[in-house]
Amino acid sequence: MPAQVRNDEMVALLSADLQRRYEPNFAWKSAVSQYLALPALRGFWPMSAASFAAANRALDQSGGGDHLADNNTVTWGFENLIPYAEFDGVDQYFSRPSGVGEWATITGAESWIAANQGGLTLGGWFKLGDLTARGPLIDKWTGALATSSYQLYFRGDLANDPVELYVCDGIAMDQHTLNFSATTSDWWFLAGRWDYNDKMISVF
């Protein structure tokens, strides 16, 4: 039988579409969680995994173990292949106890993060639906001038600049409004970034 011949032209043609075993980014992802490859990640909750044995928690997929506790029976759902948590009742939310782990120490200026790369980023996919009341989407809030307080906040009006980011370093509170109009049927990726070095705040 003839030996298999390597077709170098075909390999070169398809190389852009095929994973190479020696590419560092693929090797790293195979060795650890793809989420842990993100720098300085504190927590990641894609709402794809729940722990029903422990009060319906939303599991932290970053590997850090900061699972979120259910409050007032949050419902789980799927839209096509998109998992989500549905807050369609009264006072439904996920939470973590205050001061557990390093949640209480996020200032955006931690000594173990390179000084020129410090800051705080938070966000996620949200379907704002029929929201009408003001309230936080993601927050750790202990007062307007409390150190390490932050909120990605729904302002109560889908059509007029519906989302704001608040961050406080214990001295002053910064805030910025995201200018867009949301609809009840659309998913939005909302993320806020606070640059501690320049005291700048932005929402995407």
Protein backbone atom coordinates (compact mmCIF):
# COMPACT_ATOMS: atom_id res chain seq x y z
CA MET A 1 0.00 0.00 0.00
CA PRO A 2 1.32 3.49 -0.73
CA ALA A 3 2.35 5.57 2.26
CA GLN A 4 0.27 8.62 3.18
CA VAL A 5 1.76 11.78 1.74
CA ARG A 6 1.54 15.08 3.57
CA ASN A 7 -0.07 17.73 1.40
CA ASP A 8 1.72 20.89 2.54
CA GLU A 9 -0.36 23.14 0.32
CA MET A 10 -3.58 21.82 1.82
CA VAL A 11 -2.20 22.20 5.35
CA ALA A 12 -1.27 25.81 4.62
CA LEU A 13 -4.67 26.48 3.10
CA LEU A 14 -6.62 25.11 6.08
CA SER A 15 -4.27 26.18 8.88
CA ALA A 16 -6.26 29.30 9.64
CA ASP A 17 -9.33 27.17 10.39
CA LEU A 18 -7.70 24.36 12.37
CA GLN A 19 -6.37 24.29 15.93
CA ARG A 20 -2.66 23.69 16.17
CA ARG A 21 -1.48 21.61 19.10
CA TYR A 22 1.47 23.87 19.81
CA GLU A 23 -0.39 27.19 19.90
CA PRO A 24 0.05 28.55 23.47
CA ASN A 25 -3.47 29.98 23.72
CA PHE A 26 -5.06 26.62 22.94
CA ALA A 27 -2.66 24.72 25.19
CA TRP A 28 -3.37 27.06 28.12
CA LYS A 29 -7.11 26.76 27.67
CA SER A 30 -6.83 22.97 27.63
CA ALA A 31 -4.76 22.95 30.82
CA VAL A 32 -7.04 25.21 32.90
CA SER A 33 -10.55 26.57 32.79
CA GLN A 34 -10.97 28.99 29.89
CA TYR A 35 -12.41 31.43 32.42
CA LEU A 36 -9.39 31.23 34.70
CA ALA A 37 -7.27 32.35 31.76
CA LEU A 38 -8.88 35.79 32.11
CA PRO A 39 -6.63 38.12 34.16
CA ALA A 40 -7.59 39.03 37.73
CA LEU A 41 -11.01 37.37 37.46
CA ARG A 42 -12.90 37.45 40.79
CA GLY A 43 -16.09 35.64 39.81
CA PHE A 44 -18.02 34.40 36.77
CA TRP A 45 -21.66 33.32 36.81
CA PRO A 46 -22.95 32.34 33.34
CA MET A 47 -26.17 30.98 34.91
CA SER A 48 -25.55 27.65 33.22
CA ALA A 49 -24.89 25.68 36.41
CA ALA A 50 -27.00 25.59 39.55
CA SER A 51 -26.59 23.76 42.84
CA PHE A 52 -30.02 22.57 43.90
CA ALA A 53 -28.53 20.71 46.86
CA ALA A 54 -27.49 24.02 48.43
CA ALA A 55 -30.52 26.28 48.20
CA ASN A 56 -30.52 26.77 44.43
CA ARG A 57 -27.17 28.57 44.23
CA ALA A 58 -25.73 30.05 41.03
CA LEU A 59 -22.34 28.39 40.73
CA ASP A 60 -19.19 30.46 40.25
CA GLN A 61 -17.54 29.09 37.12
CA SER A 62 -14.28 30.99 37.67
CA GLY A 63 -13.05 28.31 40.06
CA GLY A 64 -12.99 30.72 42.98
CA GLY A 65 -15.98 29.15 44.73
CA ASP A 66 -17.93 32.38 45.24
CA HIS A 67 -21.33 30.84 44.60
CA LEU A 68 -24.40 33.08 44.77
CA ALA A 69 -27.26 32.29 47.14
CA ASP A 70 -30.83 32.37 45.90
CA ASN A 71 -33.26 34.83 47.45
CA ASN A 72 -37.02 34.43 47.01
CA THR A 73 -36.84 31.58 44.49
CA VAL A 74 -35.14 32.82 41.35
CA THR A 75 -36.23 30.77 38.30
CA TRP A 76 -33.86 29.19 35.79
CA GLY A 77 -34.54 29.21 32.08
CA PHE A 78 -33.09 28.78 28.61
CA GLU A 79 -33.63 30.74 25.40
CA ASN A 80 -32.42 28.47 22.61
CA LEU A 81 -29.01 27.55 24.06
CA ILE A 82 -28.69 30.64 26.27
CA PRO A 83 -29.03 29.89 30.00
CA TYR A 84 -30.34 32.62 32.25
CA ALA A 85 -31.78 33.40 35.66
CA GLU A 86 -35.21 34.99 35.57
CA PHE A 87 -36.12 37.59 38.16
CA ASP A 88 -39.85 37.71 37.52
CA GLY A 89 -41.20 37.72 41.06
CA VAL A 90 -40.95 39.94 44.13
CA ASP A 91 -37.51 40.87 45.49
CA GLN A 92 -35.68 38.08 43.68
CA TYR A 93 -31.89 38.26 43.53
CA PHE A 94 -28.66 36.33 44.05
CA SER A 95 -26.31 37.37 46.84
CA ARG A 96 -23.10 36.69 48.73
CA PRO A 97 -22.65 37.28 52.48
CA SER A 98 -20.88 40.52 53.30
CA GLY A 99 -17.18 40.21 53.96
CA VAL A 100 -16.81 36.63 52.70
CA GLY A 101 -13.55 35.96 50.88
CA GLU A 102 -12.16 39.01 49.14
CA TRP A 103 -15.43 40.61 48.15
CA ALA A 104 -15.02 43.30 50.78
CA THR A 105 -11.55 44.31 49.56
CA ILE A 106 -12.14 45.24 45.93
CA THR A 107 -10.97 48.84 45.57
CA GLY A 108 -9.47 48.76 42.10
CA ALA A 109 -6.02 49.50 43.54
CA GLU A 110 -4.96 46.14 44.99
CA SER A 111 -1.20 45.82 45.48
CA TRP A 112 -1.09 42.47 43.66
CA ILE A 113 -2.37 44.02 40.42
CA ALA A 114 0.04 46.02 38.24
CA ALA A 115 -0.43 49.68 39.11
CA ASN A 116 -0.99 50.76 35.51
CA GLN A 117 -3.65 48.08 35.03
CA GLY A 118 -5.68 48.53 38.20
CA GLY A 119 -9.39 49.12 38.21
CA LEU A 120 -12.71 47.35 38.39
CA THR A 121 -14.77 45.81 35.60
CA LEU A 122 -18.20 44.26 36.07
CA GLY A 123 -20.92 43.29 33.67
CA GLY A 124 -22.90 40.58 31.97
CA TRP A 125 -25.71 39.76 29.59
CA PHE A 126 -29.08 41.20 30.59
CA LYS A 127 -32.56 41.09 29.13
CA LEU A 128 -34.13 44.06 30.81
CA GLY A 129 -37.61 42.89 29.85
CA ASP A 130 -40.43 44.77 31.49
CA LEU A 131 -38.36 46.33 34.24
CA THR A 132 -39.85 49.56 35.52
CA ALA A 133 -38.49 49.97 39.05
CA ARG A 134 -35.05 51.38 39.81
CA GLY A 135 -32.60 48.86 41.18
CA PRO A 136 -29.14 47.27 40.91
CA LEU A 137 -28.18 44.73 38.27
CA ILE A 138 -24.84 43.94 39.97
CA ASP A 139 -23.78 45.59 43.17
CA LYS A 140 -21.94 45.61 46.48
CA TRP A 141 -23.34 48.69 48.14
CA THR A 142 -22.91 49.74 51.76
CA GLY A 143 -23.46 53.46 51.38
CA ALA A 144 -22.78 56.33 49.00
CA LEU A 145 -19.30 57.00 50.41
CA ALA A 146 -18.42 53.52 51.65
CA THR A 147 -15.10 52.11 50.53
CA SER A 148 -15.39 49.49 47.79
CA SER A 149 -19.04 50.13 47.00
CA TYR A 150 -20.06 49.69 43.39
CA GLN A 151 -23.23 49.27 41.34
CA LEU A 152 -24.24 48.57 37.78
CA TYR A 153 -27.66 50.10 38.12
CA PHE A 154 -30.97 50.15 36.22
CA ARG A 155 -32.37 53.67 36.34
CA GLY A 156 -36.02 52.73 35.85
CA ASP A 157 -36.65 53.85 32.26
CA LEU A 158 -35.86 51.51 29.36
CA ALA A 159 -36.05 54.21 26.72
CA ASN A 160 -33.88 56.90 28.30
CA ASP A 161 -30.31 56.10 29.37
CA PRO A 162 -31.37 53.05 31.40
CA VAL A 163 -28.04 52.00 32.99
CA GLU A 164 -25.51 53.73 35.25
CA LEU A 165 -22.28 52.66 36.93
CA TYR A 166 -21.48 53.93 40.43
CA VAL A 167 -18.11 53.35 42.11
CA CYS A 168 -16.86 54.74 45.43
CA ASP A 169 -13.31 54.55 46.79
CA GLY A 170 -14.29 55.83 50.25
CA ILE A 171 -13.58 59.45 49.40
CA ALA A 172 -15.74 60.31 46.43
CA MET A 173 -18.41 58.61 44.34
CA ASP A 174 -18.01 58.46 40.56
CA GLN A 175 -20.88 57.72 38.23
CA HIS A 176 -21.55 57.50 34.53
CA THR A 177 -24.70 56.90 32.50
CA LEU A 178 -24.86 54.67 29.44
CA ASN A 179 -26.73 56.45 26.67
CA PHE A 180 -28.92 54.03 24.74
CA SER A 181 -32.52 52.86 24.48
CA ALA A 182 -33.40 49.29 25.44
CA THR A 183 -36.35 47.21 24.32
CA THR A 184 -38.13 44.51 26.25
CA SER A 185 -37.18 41.70 23.85
CA ASP A 186 -33.44 42.32 23.33
CA TRP A 187 -30.42 40.95 25.16
CA TRP A 188 -27.74 43.51 26.01
CA PHE A 189 -24.15 43.01 27.12
CA LEU A 190 -23.70 45.69 29.77
CA ALA A 191 -20.30 46.24 31.33
CA GLY A 192 -18.84 49.03 33.42
CA ARG A 193 -15.15 49.83 33.78
CA TRP A 194 -13.64 52.03 36.47
CA ASP A 195 -10.02 53.14 36.01
CA TYR A 196 -8.63 53.79 39.48
CA ASN A 197 -5.50 55.54 38.22
CA ASP A 198 -7.29 58.21 36.19
CA LYS A 199 -10.55 58.18 38.19
CA MET A 200 -12.36 57.56 34.93
CA ILE A 201 -15.56 55.60 34.60
CA SER A 202 -17.19 54.15 31.50
CA VAL A 203 -20.08 51.90 30.56
CA PHE A 204 -20.25 49.82 27.37
